[in-house]
Amino acid sequence: MSLAGFPAERQRPGAPRGRRMAPAWAWASLLAAGLIAAPLFAVLVTAATPQSQDWSYLLRTLLPELLVNSVLLSVLVGLLAAVMGAVTAWLVATCAFRGRGVIEVALLLPLAMPAYVCGYTYVWLLDVAGPVQTTLREVTGLRWGEYWFPEIRSLPGAALMLAAVLYPYVYLLCRAAFLQQSVCLLEASRTLGHGLPRTFLHVALPMARPALAGGLALVLMETLADFGTVQHFAVRTFTTGIYDAWFGLADRPAAAQLATALMGLVAMLLLLERASRGGRRFHPTTTRNPPLRPVVLHGWKQVVAILVCLLPVLIGFLIPGAALFGLMLEAGDPFDPQRTLPFARNSITLAGLTAVLAVALAALLAWGQRLYPSRLRASANRVASLGYALPGSVIAVGALVPFAIFDNALDAWMRARFGVSTGLLLSGSIAALVFAYLVRFLGVALSAVESGLSRIRPSLFGAARVLGRTPGQAVRAVELPLARGALMTAGVLVFVDTMKELPATLIVRPFDFDTLAVRVHNLASDERLAEASTAALLIVLVGLLPVAALVRGMRRG
């Protein structure tokens, strides 16, 4: 059978690799991945520096503790986030109960709450001198030490804080996966006598494995890269070791070697998940699916569903948000537009620009590998995603290396040719800061886009090609509309994460260019959490706007 309209080497996705010539944009995806990965290679080159006495000391004394704490923290956060995200996504996607529409939106609210702000708030609330224990002593007449109270500054406490604000990654992707699953399979399970719990565990959850794995990958990378929360909770992980070596000991090779070990740990987790998935596919095999009919819950089942869905929102948003609001009313930074709005404008500009560029790059990388698969592109995509596992300060320093090389080379050439010094054109500029953000958060966008593409049947693309469409036309007409929700999810995740990013902003930002995150950091560092509450609430407020837009878009879809 001859297929009119396209060359023989591009007839089908399964054609021999040697006969399929990828277009220029597919090769451009390799170039983009290489540019994004440049700071990571800069870290690796720095790590290749001969070992110092500081590294030998860290290897003998601290590395086992850092490894154990990082693994335990990741396991606890992963389990908590998976349970909270997957269960709530299943309930709102397949059940009908009172307040479901409001809860569906409320479950996204912790996405806008920075983990370190949440941690600061809970330590203030639950510490010995905090309002909770103070009230307890006043009511009971007991003194400190005469009663038991859970220690919030601990590894389980840090895990709870991180899971409470990171579970929306799992919730977003799993909810979309549940809504697109075959209703026939779910109804067949119910017909065979399985209730909602068994249908969820044995049918829906295995089919949603790509979405669950993608969300957990984001959660684990964010957990391994977190610094503010674990430092405040006195939990020593790889990130605190990197900061101690980089800023405390001023030993960049030792810090880079710890960062390399952290990248290796994340890469191993991703490879293990992909190897366990094997060659199985999780997209529907038929289009004859009736609309999903939610199961109406009554009585105690409705009460349980509401409580299960509200508990993560209570822990991750309502309690810390109410505490910050109370601090703002008590002694917050006065809401002076001349002082506060410039920080908000800078944050929104940087976050919006980074989100657009990250989604465009993620789409280029994901579709390049989908249409013209190769081991080289797959490896490049994985390397470009590893930036999300590194602390923002390490990424910032690594990102400055190529800019410094370019600025110095241009300055030397201009001096030799024209006797004019150009100085630093890109280093310490907004372009360098956006580049650092892209390196840091491209993994977020790529994971969301790949998860969305995995649920699109390849036969749809093949049908468009048989009808005479070019690969680009087939993607624009068929796959791009189907992946719109995944692209929106990727943009929102990058936007909110950029709003909350602190270390990279502190290092790379231009002079006298502050964001809301920098404002919170400067005030909180001076033990003025009450005054920092205003800027922190603004971060949350601005982060809620794209979340609301995402919810409206998903409901229309």
Protein backbone atom coordinates (compact mmCIF):
# COMPACT_ATOMS: atom_id res chain seq x y z
CA MET A 1 0.00 0.00 0.00
CA SER A 2 1.46 3.39 -0.97
CA LEU A 3 0.76 6.33 1.23
CA ALA A 4 0.37 9.45 -0.86
CA GLY A 5 1.66 12.66 0.55
CA PHE A 6 4.71 11.69 2.56
CA PRO A 7 8.14 10.17 1.85
CA ALA A 8 8.98 6.53 2.33
CA GLU A 9 11.41 7.18 5.15
CA ARG A 10 8.62 8.76 7.21
CA GLN A 11 5.76 6.38 6.45
CA ARG A 12 5.21 5.03 9.96
CA PRO A 13 6.60 5.48 13.47
CA GLY A 14 7.89 1.90 13.43
CA ALA A 15 9.95 2.27 10.24
CA PRO A 16 13.64 1.31 10.39
CA ARG A 17 15.56 3.97 12.20
CA GLY A 18 18.10 4.45 9.45
CA ARG A 19 15.42 5.39 6.91
CA ARG A 20 13.70 7.98 9.07
CA MET A 21 15.26 11.40 8.66
CA ALA A 22 14.29 13.73 11.47
CA PRO A 23 13.57 17.37 10.52
CA ALA A 24 15.56 20.33 11.75
CA TRP A 25 13.28 21.03 14.71
CA ALA A 26 13.81 17.50 16.03
CA TRP A 27 17.57 18.02 15.94
CA ALA A 28 17.02 21.41 17.57
CA SER A 29 15.60 19.53 20.56
CA LEU A 30 19.05 18.00 21.10
CA LEU A 31 20.63 21.45 20.98
CA ALA A 32 18.09 22.79 23.50
CA ALA A 33 18.72 19.85 25.82
CA GLY A 34 22.46 20.46 25.55
CA LEU A 35 22.12 24.14 26.47
CA ILE A 36 19.90 23.33 29.45
CA ALA A 37 22.33 20.64 30.60
CA ALA A 38 25.39 22.94 30.35
CA PRO A 39 25.25 24.01 34.03
CA LEU A 40 24.97 20.37 35.06
CA PHE A 41 28.12 19.55 33.12
CA ALA A 42 29.78 22.55 34.73
CA VAL A 43 29.01 21.02 38.12
CA LEU A 44 30.43 17.68 36.95
CA VAL A 45 33.62 19.35 35.71
CA THR A 46 33.99 21.08 39.06
CA ALA A 47 33.40 17.75 40.80
CA ALA A 48 36.32 16.24 38.83
CA THR A 49 38.70 18.55 40.67
CA PRO A 50 41.14 16.57 42.86
CA GLN A 51 39.61 15.72 46.21
CA SER A 52 40.34 17.98 49.14
CA GLN A 53 40.66 17.24 52.83
CA ASP A 54 37.18 18.66 53.35
CA TRP A 55 35.72 16.09 50.92
CA SER A 56 37.57 13.27 52.67
CA TYR A 57 36.16 14.46 55.99
CA LEU A 58 32.63 14.63 54.56
CA LEU A 59 33.00 11.18 53.01
CA ARG A 60 34.08 9.59 56.29
CA THR A 61 31.77 11.31 58.74
CA LEU A 62 28.74 12.92 57.11
CA LEU A 63 27.97 11.09 53.87
CA PRO A 64 26.27 8.04 55.49
CA GLU A 65 24.05 10.31 57.59
CA LEU A 66 23.19 12.50 54.60
CA LEU A 67 22.34 9.47 52.47
CA VAL A 68 20.17 7.79 55.12
CA ASN A 69 18.28 10.98 55.95
CA SER A 70 17.72 11.83 52.28
CA VAL A 71 16.39 8.33 51.50
CA LEU A 72 14.14 8.22 54.58
CA LEU A 73 12.80 11.69 53.88
CA SER A 74 12.10 10.80 50.25
CA VAL A 75 10.31 7.58 51.20
CA LEU A 76 8.11 9.31 53.78
CA VAL A 77 7.28 12.26 51.54
CA GLY A 78 6.63 9.96 48.57
CA LEU A 79 4.25 7.73 50.50
CA LEU A 80 2.35 10.64 52.04
CA ALA A 81 2.11 12.57 48.77
CA ALA A 82 1.05 9.47 46.81
CA VAL A 83 -1.72 8.65 49.26
CA MET A 84 -2.99 12.22 49.56
CA GLY A 85 -2.76 12.98 45.83
CA ALA A 86 -4.05 9.73 44.34
CA VAL A 87 -6.90 9.15 46.81
CA THR A 88 -8.24 12.71 46.59
CA ALA A 89 -7.94 12.67 42.77
CA TRP A 90 -9.93 9.41 42.63
CA LEU A 91 -12.65 10.76 44.92
CA VAL A 92 -13.21 14.02 43.05
CA ALA A 93 -12.99 12.32 39.64
CA THR A 94 -15.35 9.37 40.25
CA CYS A 95 -17.60 10.34 43.17
CA ALA A 96 -20.34 12.92 43.65
CA PHE A 97 -20.67 14.41 47.12
CA ARG A 98 -21.63 17.71 48.70
CA GLY A 99 -19.09 20.47 48.04
CA ARG A 100 -17.23 18.45 45.43
CA GLY A 101 -16.77 21.43 43.10
CA VAL A 102 -15.27 23.59 45.84
CA ILE A 103 -13.05 20.79 47.13
CA GLU A 104 -11.82 20.08 43.61
CA VAL A 105 -10.38 23.61 43.52
CA ALA A 106 -9.30 23.69 47.18
CA LEU A 107 -7.08 20.63 46.71
CA LEU A 108 -4.84 22.74 44.46
CA LEU A 109 -4.37 25.54 47.01
CA PRO A 110 -1.26 24.10 48.74
CA LEU A 111 0.50 24.30 45.38
CA ALA A 112 0.89 28.04 45.95
CA MET A 113 2.28 27.67 49.50
CA PRO A 114 6.12 27.63 49.68
CA ALA A 115 7.36 24.68 51.72
CA TYR A 116 9.76 26.80 53.76
CA VAL A 117 7.00 29.28 54.62
CA CYS A 118 4.76 26.41 55.69
CA GLY A 119 7.59 25.06 57.84
CA TYR A 120 8.30 28.44 59.44
CA THR A 121 4.62 28.79 60.29
CA TYR A 122 4.24 25.37 61.90
CA VAL A 123 7.42 25.79 63.94
CA TRP A 124 6.06 29.14 65.19
CA LEU A 125 2.71 27.51 66.00
CA LEU A 126 3.92 24.27 67.63
CA ASP A 127 7.23 25.23 69.20
CA VAL A 128 7.65 25.42 72.99
CA ALA A 129 7.07 29.17 72.99
CA GLY A 130 4.39 28.99 70.29
CA PRO A 131 0.70 29.72 70.80
CA VAL A 132 -0.38 26.03 70.83
CA GLN A 133 1.89 24.88 73.65
CA THR A 134 1.47 28.16 75.51
CA THR A 135 -2.31 27.72 75.47
CA LEU A 136 -1.92 24.07 76.53
CA ARG A 137 0.16 25.05 79.56
CA GLU A 138 -2.27 27.80 80.52
CA VAL A 139 -5.29 25.49 80.29
CA THR A 140 -3.78 22.46 82.05
CA GLY A 141 -1.46 24.25 84.50
CA LEU A 142 1.39 21.96 83.49
CA ARG A 143 4.93 23.14 82.91
CA TRP A 144 7.16 22.30 80.00
CA GLY A 145 8.51 18.76 80.42
CA GLU A 146 5.49 17.55 82.39
CA TYR A 147 3.47 16.70 79.27
CA TRP A 148 4.18 14.97 75.97
CA PHE A 149 4.04 16.94 72.75
CA PRO A 150 5.25 15.79 69.32
CA GLU A 151 8.52 17.38 68.22
CA ILE A 152 7.81 19.30 65.06
CA ARG A 153 11.48 19.88 64.29
CA SER A 154 12.19 16.30 63.22
CA LEU A 155 12.46 14.20 60.08
CA PRO A 156 8.78 13.09 60.20
CA GLY A 157 7.76 16.71 60.78
CA ALA A 158 9.76 17.88 57.75
CA ALA A 159 8.27 15.04 55.67
CA LEU A 160 4.74 16.09 56.63
CA MET A 161 5.43 19.72 55.70
CA LEU A 162 6.88 18.79 52.31
CA ALA A 163 4.12 16.28 51.49
CA ALA A 164 1.41 18.75 52.50
CA VAL A 165 2.52 21.26 49.85
CA LEU A 166 3.83 18.85 47.17
CA TYR A 167 0.93 16.38 46.88
CA PRO A 168 -0.86 18.58 44.26
CA TYR A 169 1.76 17.37 41.74
CA VAL A 170 0.35 13.85 42.13
CA TYR A 171 -3.25 15.10 42.38
CA LEU A 172 -3.12 17.10 39.13
CA LEU A 173 -1.69 14.32 36.99
CA CYS A 174 -3.72 11.49 38.56
CA ARG A 175 -6.99 13.39 38.28
CA ALA A 176 -6.46 13.91 34.54
CA ALA A 177 -5.56 10.23 34.16
CA PHE A 178 -8.65 9.02 36.05
CA LEU A 179 -10.96 11.21 33.97
CA GLN A 180 -9.56 9.77 30.72
CA GLN A 181 -9.68 6.11 31.73
CA SER A 182 -12.00 3.58 30.11
CA VAL A 183 -15.38 3.74 31.82
CA CYS A 184 -16.11 0.22 30.55
CA LEU A 185 -13.28 -1.21 32.67
CA LEU A 186 -14.46 0.62 35.78
CA GLU A 187 -18.06 -0.46 35.31
CA ALA A 188 -16.97 -4.05 34.61
CA SER A 189 -15.11 -4.05 37.93
CA ARG A 190 -18.20 -2.75 39.73
CA THR A 191 -20.36 -5.36 37.97
CA LEU A 192 -18.07 -8.12 39.27
CA GLY A 193 -18.81 -7.01 42.83
CA HIS A 194 -15.82 -4.78 43.52
CA GLY A 195 -16.53 -1.66 45.52
CA LEU A 196 -14.90 1.70 44.99
CA PRO A 197 -11.79 0.88 47.08
CA ARG A 198 -11.02 -2.38 45.23
CA THR A 199 -11.76 -0.80 41.84
CA PHE A 200 -9.37 1.99 42.72
CA LEU A 201 -6.56 -0.33 43.84
CA HIS A 202 -6.88 -3.06 41.19
CA VAL A 203 -8.09 -1.22 38.07
CA ALA A 204 -7.85 2.58 38.17
CA LEU A 205 -4.53 3.00 39.97
CA PRO A 206 -2.54 0.54 37.78
CA MET A 207 -3.93 2.26 34.65
CA ALA A 208 -2.86 5.64 36.05
CA ARG A 209 0.68 4.47 36.74
CA PRO A 210 2.42 6.88 34.28
CA ALA A 211 0.65 9.86 35.86
CA LEU A 212 1.39 8.62 39.39
CA ALA A 213 5.03 8.00 38.53
CA GLY A 214 5.35 11.42 36.90
CA GLY A 215 3.85 13.18 39.91
CA LEU A 216 5.99 11.20 42.37
CA ALA A 217 9.10 11.96 40.33
CA LEU A 218 8.40 15.68 40.73
CA VAL A 219 7.72 15.24 44.44
CA LEU A 220 10.92 13.26 45.05
CA MET A 221 13.11 15.65 43.06
CA GLU A 222 11.65 18.62 44.92
CA THR A 223 12.17 16.83 48.23
CA LEU A 224 15.80 15.99 47.49
CA ALA A 225 16.45 19.58 46.37
CA ASP A 226 14.71 21.29 49.31
CA PHE A 227 16.92 23.32 51.60
CA GLY A 228 14.87 25.84 53.57
CA THR A 229 12.52 23.32 55.18
CA VAL A 230 15.07 20.67 56.14
CA GLN A 231 17.50 23.27 57.48
CA HIS A 232 14.82 24.87 59.65
CA PHE A 233 13.76 21.42 60.91
CA ALA A 234 17.38 20.42 61.70
CA VAL A 235 17.38 17.48 59.26
CA ARG A 236 20.75 16.97 57.56
CA THR A 237 20.32 15.90 53.93
CA PHE A 238 22.36 16.16 50.75
CA THR A 239 21.25 19.75 50.25
CA THR A 240 22.38 20.89 53.68
CA GLY A 241 25.69 19.10 53.09
CA ILE A 242 26.09 20.89 49.76
CA TYR A 243 25.38 24.25 51.37
CA ASP A 244 27.77 23.56 54.23
CA ALA A 245 30.55 22.58 51.84
CA TRP A 246 29.86 25.42 49.39
CA PHE A 247 29.28 28.33 51.76
CA GLY A 248 30.56 27.08 55.12
CA LEU A 249 33.81 25.43 54.03
CA ALA A 250 34.14 27.42 50.77
CA ASP A 251 35.01 24.13 49.04
CA ARG A 252 33.31 24.11 45.64
CA PRO A 253 34.76 20.75 44.51
CA ALA A 254 33.39 19.01 47.62
CA ALA A 255 29.99 20.64 47.13
CA ALA A 256 29.99 19.67 43.45
CA GLN A 257 30.85 16.07 44.37
CA LEU A 258 27.89 15.95 46.76
CA ALA A 259 25.70 17.47 44.04
CA THR A 260 26.90 14.81 41.60
CA ALA A 261 25.95 12.09 44.09
CA LEU A 262 22.52 13.72 44.41
CA MET A 263 22.05 13.74 40.63
CA GLY A 264 23.04 10.08 40.53
CA LEU A 265 20.46 9.22 43.20
CA VAL A 266 17.66 10.93 41.28
CA ALA A 267 18.74 9.36 37.97
CA MET A 268 18.69 5.93 39.61
CA LEU A 269 15.13 6.48 40.88
CA LEU A 270 13.90 7.51 37.43
CA LEU A 271 15.63 4.60 35.70
CA LEU A 272 14.20 2.10 38.20
CA GLU A 273 10.66 3.35 37.58
CA ARG A 274 11.03 3.17 33.79
CA ALA A 275 12.60 -0.30 33.97
CA SER A 276 9.76 -1.59 36.17
CA ARG A 277 7.19 -0.22 33.71
CA GLY A 278 8.81 -2.15 30.85
CA GLY A 279 7.09 -2.02 27.48
CA ARG A 280 3.56 -1.84 28.82
CA ARG A 281 1.19 0.84 27.51
CA PHE A 282 -1.52 2.59 29.50
CA HIS A 283 -3.63 4.44 26.91
CA PRO A 284 -7.19 3.34 26.01
CA THR A 285 -7.58 0.92 23.12
CA THR A 286 -11.02 2.07 22.00
CA THR A 287 -12.87 5.34 21.54
CA ARG A 288 -16.26 3.81 22.38
CA ASN A 289 -16.29 5.02 25.97
CA PRO A 290 -19.47 6.47 27.48
CA PRO A 291 -19.14 9.56 29.68
CA LEU A 292 -17.94 8.94 33.22
CA ARG A 293 -20.87 8.77 35.65
CA PRO A 294 -19.79 9.70 39.18
CA VAL A 295 -20.98 7.48 42.01
CA VAL A 296 -23.27 9.43 44.33
CA LEU A 297 -22.21 9.12 47.98
CA HIS A 298 -24.63 9.42 50.89
CA GLY A 299 -24.49 9.28 54.67
CA TRP A 300 -21.25 8.36 56.38
CA LYS A 301 -19.53 7.65 53.05
CA GLN A 302 -20.10 11.25 52.00
CA VAL A 303 -18.76 12.52 55.34
CA VAL A 304 -15.63 10.36 55.05
CA ALA A 305 -14.98 11.51 51.47
CA ILE A 306 -15.30 15.18 52.48
CA LEU A 307 -12.98 14.75 55.47
CA VAL A 308 -10.38 12.83 53.45
CA CYS A 309 -10.32 15.57 50.80
CA LEU A 310 -10.28 18.46 53.28
CA LEU A 311 -7.50 17.12 55.51
CA PRO A 312 -4.63 17.82 53.05
CA VAL A 313 -6.04 21.29 52.36
CA LEU A 314 -6.26 21.98 56.08
CA ILE A 315 -2.65 20.96 56.74
CA GLY A 316 -1.07 22.42 53.63
CA PHE A 317 -2.99 25.68 53.21
CA LEU A 318 -5.72 26.67 55.64
CA ILE A 319 -3.74 26.42 58.90
CA PRO A 320 -0.53 28.11 57.68
CA GLY A 321 -2.53 30.63 55.66
CA ALA A 322 -4.67 31.59 58.66
CA ALA A 323 -1.57 31.90 60.85
CA LEU A 324 0.15 34.15 58.31
CA PHE A 325 -2.98 36.25 57.96
CA GLY A 326 -3.15 36.68 61.73
CA LEU A 327 0.53 37.69 61.84
CA MET A 328 -0.04 40.18 59.04
CA LEU A 329 -2.90 41.81 60.92
CA GLU A 330 -0.83 41.88 64.11
CA ALA A 331 2.51 43.19 62.86
CA GLY A 332 2.72 42.63 59.15
CA ASP A 333 4.59 44.70 56.60
CA PRO A 334 2.24 47.60 55.76
CA PHE A 335 0.63 47.11 52.36
CA ASP A 336 2.18 50.11 50.67
CA PRO A 337 1.84 49.76 46.88
CA GLN A 338 4.98 51.82 46.36
CA ARG A 339 6.96 49.25 48.39
CA THR A 340 5.22 45.94 47.71
CA LEU A 341 3.92 46.00 44.16
CA PRO A 342 7.38 46.26 42.49
CA PHE A 343 8.32 42.95 44.14
CA ALA A 344 5.10 41.38 42.86
CA ARG A 345 5.63 42.79 39.36
CA ASN A 346 9.16 41.38 39.20
CA SER A 347 8.00 37.97 40.41
CA ILE A 348 5.09 37.76 37.95
CA THR A 349 7.25 38.86 35.01
CA LEU A 350 9.96 36.31 35.71
CA ALA A 351 7.49 33.51 36.43
CA GLY A 352 5.41 34.16 33.31
CA LEU A 353 8.41 34.36 30.98
CA THR A 354 9.95 31.21 32.47
CA ALA A 355 6.66 29.28 32.22
CA VAL A 356 6.19 30.11 28.52
CA LEU A 357 9.77 29.19 27.62
CA ALA A 358 9.72 26.02 29.73
CA VAL A 359 6.51 24.74 28.13
CA ALA A 360 7.86 25.48 24.64
CA LEU A 361 11.13 23.67 25.36
CA ALA A 362 9.35 20.74 27.03
CA ALA A 363 7.03 20.35 24.03
CA LEU A 364 10.01 20.45 21.66
CA LEU A 365 11.87 17.77 23.64
CA ALA A 366 8.83 15.54 24.24
CA TRP A 367 7.53 15.58 20.64
CA GLY A 368 11.03 15.18 19.25
CA GLN A 369 11.43 11.93 21.17
CA ARG A 370 7.83 10.83 20.46
CA LEU A 371 7.96 11.27 16.69
CA TYR A 372 11.63 10.44 16.11
CA PRO A 373 12.64 8.22 19.01
CA SER A 374 16.29 7.51 19.66
CA ARG A 375 18.43 6.67 22.63
CA LEU A 376 20.34 9.91 22.16
CA ARG A 377 17.20 12.05 22.46
CA ALA A 378 15.88 10.01 25.38
CA SER A 379 19.19 10.40 27.24
CA ALA A 380 19.31 14.13 26.45
CA ASN A 381 15.79 14.60 27.82
CA ARG A 382 16.66 12.77 31.05
CA VAL A 383 19.84 14.80 31.53
CA ALA A 384 17.97 18.06 30.90
CA SER A 385 15.45 17.05 33.61
CA LEU A 386 18.03 16.46 36.33
CA GLY A 387 18.30 20.17 37.16
CA TYR A 388 15.15 19.88 39.25
CA ALA A 389 17.02 17.62 41.68
CA LEU A 390 19.71 20.17 42.49
CA PRO A 391 19.49 23.06 44.95
CA GLY A 392 18.80 26.39 43.33
CA SER A 393 22.13 27.85 44.45
CA VAL A 394 24.14 25.07 42.78
CA ILE A 395 22.15 25.53 39.58
CA ALA A 396 22.71 29.28 39.79
CA VAL A 397 26.48 28.95 40.13
CA GLY A 398 26.55 26.34 37.37
CA ALA A 399 24.42 28.56 35.12
CA LEU A 400 26.80 31.48 35.59
CA VAL A 401 29.70 29.47 34.15
CA PRO A 402 28.65 29.57 30.44
CA PHE A 403 27.56 33.20 30.73
CA ALA A 404 30.88 34.14 32.33
CA ILE A 405 32.78 32.31 29.57
CA PHE A 406 30.79 34.15 26.90
CA ASP A 407 31.14 37.56 28.58
CA ASN A 408 34.88 37.14 29.13
CA ALA A 409 35.48 35.91 25.57
CA LEU A 410 33.46 38.78 24.08
CA ASP A 411 35.22 41.31 26.31
CA ALA A 412 38.67 39.97 25.34
CA TRP A 413 37.77 40.02 21.63
CA MET A 414 36.42 43.60 21.82
CA ARG A 415 39.51 44.75 23.71
CA ALA A 416 41.86 43.17 21.18
CA ARG A 417 39.90 44.35 18.12
CA PHE A 418 38.52 47.74 19.08
CA GLY A 419 40.10 48.60 22.43
CA VAL A 420 36.66 48.69 24.07
CA SER A 421 35.58 46.74 27.16
CA THR A 422 32.05 45.33 27.04
CA GLY A 423 32.06 44.20 30.69
CA LEU A 424 29.49 41.65 31.83
CA LEU A 425 26.55 41.69 29.44
CA LEU A 426 24.70 38.53 30.44
CA SER A 427 26.05 37.58 33.86
CA GLY A 428 23.87 38.97 36.60
CA SER A 429 21.09 39.89 34.14
CA ILE A 430 17.45 38.90 33.82
CA ALA A 431 18.43 36.62 30.91
CA ALA A 432 20.82 34.71 33.18
CA LEU A 433 18.18 34.48 35.89
CA VAL A 434 15.54 33.11 33.49
CA PHE A 435 18.11 30.63 32.15
CA ALA A 436 18.79 29.42 35.71
CA TYR A 437 15.03 29.03 36.24
CA LEU A 438 14.74 27.00 33.03
CA VAL A 439 17.54 24.67 34.10
CA ARG A 440 15.89 24.30 37.51
CA PHE A 441 12.29 23.71 36.40
CA LEU A 442 12.39 22.19 32.91
CA GLY A 443 12.00 18.76 34.52
CA VAL A 444 8.61 19.88 35.89
CA ALA A 445 7.28 20.85 32.47
CA LEU A 446 8.80 17.85 30.68
CA SER A 447 7.37 15.34 33.15
CA ALA A 448 3.86 16.82 32.83
CA VAL A 449 4.02 16.97 29.02
CA GLU A 450 5.35 13.41 28.71
CA SER A 451 2.64 12.16 31.06
CA GLY A 452 -0.02 13.80 28.90
CA LEU A 453 1.43 12.45 25.66
CA SER A 454 1.59 8.92 27.08
CA ARG A 455 -2.23 8.90 27.26
CA ILE A 456 -2.68 9.79 23.55
CA ARG A 457 -3.05 6.76 21.29
CA PRO A 458 -0.32 6.65 18.61
CA SER A 459 -2.91 5.44 16.10
CA LEU A 460 -4.45 8.93 16.01
CA PHE A 461 -1.22 10.38 14.68
CA GLY A 462 -0.95 7.53 12.19
CA ALA A 463 -4.49 8.16 10.96
CA ALA A 464 -3.69 11.82 10.29
CA ARG A 465 -0.58 10.79 8.35
CA VAL A 466 -2.59 8.34 6.22
CA LEU A 467 -4.92 11.22 5.37
CA GLY A 468 -1.97 13.14 3.92
CA ARG A 469 -0.94 15.36 6.82
CA THR A 470 2.70 16.13 7.41
CA PRO A 471 4.12 15.32 10.85
CA GLY A 472 3.86 18.97 11.89
CA GLN A 473 0.29 19.26 10.65
CA ALA A 474 -0.67 16.01 12.39
CA VAL A 475 0.77 17.25 15.68
CA ARG A 476 -0.96 20.64 15.41
CA ALA A 477 -4.34 19.25 14.34
CA VAL A 478 -4.56 16.07 16.45
CA GLU A 479 -2.09 15.74 19.30
CA LEU A 480 -1.67 19.38 20.35
CA PRO A 481 -5.39 19.88 21.19
CA LEU A 482 -5.43 16.59 23.11
CA ALA A 483 -2.31 17.60 25.05
CA ARG A 484 -3.58 21.10 25.87
CA GLY A 485 -4.42 20.14 29.45
CA ALA A 486 -0.93 18.70 29.99
CA LEU A 487 0.65 21.86 28.56
CA MET A 488 -1.47 24.05 30.84
CA THR A 489 -0.54 21.89 33.81
CA ALA A 490 3.15 22.21 32.93
CA GLY A 491 2.89 26.00 32.64
CA VAL A 492 1.10 26.40 35.96
CA LEU A 493 3.58 24.17 37.80
CA VAL A 494 6.55 26.11 36.43
CA PHE A 495 4.89 29.47 37.15
CA VAL A 496 4.18 28.65 40.78
CA ASP A 497 7.59 27.07 41.38
CA THR A 498 9.35 30.10 39.90
CA MET A 499 7.34 32.40 42.16
CA LYS A 500 8.64 30.46 45.18
CA GLU A 501 12.27 29.99 44.06
CA LEU A 502 14.73 31.69 46.40
CA PRO A 503 18.40 30.53 46.21
CA ALA A 504 18.83 30.98 42.45
CA THR A 505 17.19 34.41 42.64
CA LEU A 506 19.51 35.56 45.42
CA ILE A 507 22.65 34.60 43.48
CA VAL A 508 21.84 35.47 39.86
CA ARG A 509 19.41 38.40 40.15
CA PRO A 510 20.49 41.80 38.85
CA PHE A 511 21.51 44.44 41.33
CA ASP A 512 18.55 46.02 43.16
CA PHE A 513 16.11 43.55 41.56
CA ASP A 514 14.12 41.89 44.36
CA THR A 515 11.19 39.51 44.17
CA LEU A 516 8.56 38.53 46.72
CA ALA A 517 10.61 35.46 47.68
CA VAL A 518 13.65 37.63 48.34
CA ARG A 519 11.51 39.99 50.41
CA VAL A 520 10.27 37.08 52.56
CA HIS A 521 13.80 35.76 52.97
CA ASN A 522 15.26 39.10 54.01
CA LEU A 523 12.60 39.66 56.67
CA ALA A 524 12.51 36.06 57.94
CA SER A 525 16.33 36.01 58.23
CA ASP A 526 16.03 38.92 60.66
CA GLU A 527 13.49 36.95 62.75
CA ARG A 528 10.69 39.19 61.50
CA LEU A 529 8.26 36.48 60.38
CA ALA A 530 5.29 38.68 61.21
CA GLU A 531 6.47 41.35 58.78
CA ALA A 532 7.38 38.71 56.18
CA SER A 533 3.81 37.41 56.29
CA THR A 534 2.59 40.13 53.90
CA ALA A 535 4.99 39.19 51.10
CA ALA A 536 4.40 35.48 51.78
CA LEU A 537 0.65 35.91 51.42
CA LEU A 538 1.19 37.83 48.18
CA ILE A 539 3.17 34.86 46.81
CA VAL A 540 0.26 32.62 47.68
CA LEU A 541 -2.30 35.03 46.21
CA VAL A 542 -0.48 35.45 42.91
CA GLY A 543 0.08 31.71 42.68
CA LEU A 544 -3.65 31.07 43.04
CA LEU A 545 -4.53 33.00 39.87
CA PRO A 546 -3.08 30.53 37.32
CA VAL A 547 -4.35 27.63 39.42
CA ALA A 548 -7.89 28.99 39.07
CA ALA A 549 -7.38 29.39 35.32
CA LEU A 550 -6.15 25.81 35.13
CA VAL A 551 -9.23 24.53 36.93
CA ARG A 552 -11.55 26.40 34.56
CA GLY A 553 -9.70 25.02 31.56
CA MET A 554 -9.87 21.45 32.86
CA ARG A 555 -13.60 21.76 33.52
CA ARG A 556 -14.22 22.99 29.99
CA GLY A 557 -12.18 20.08 28.67
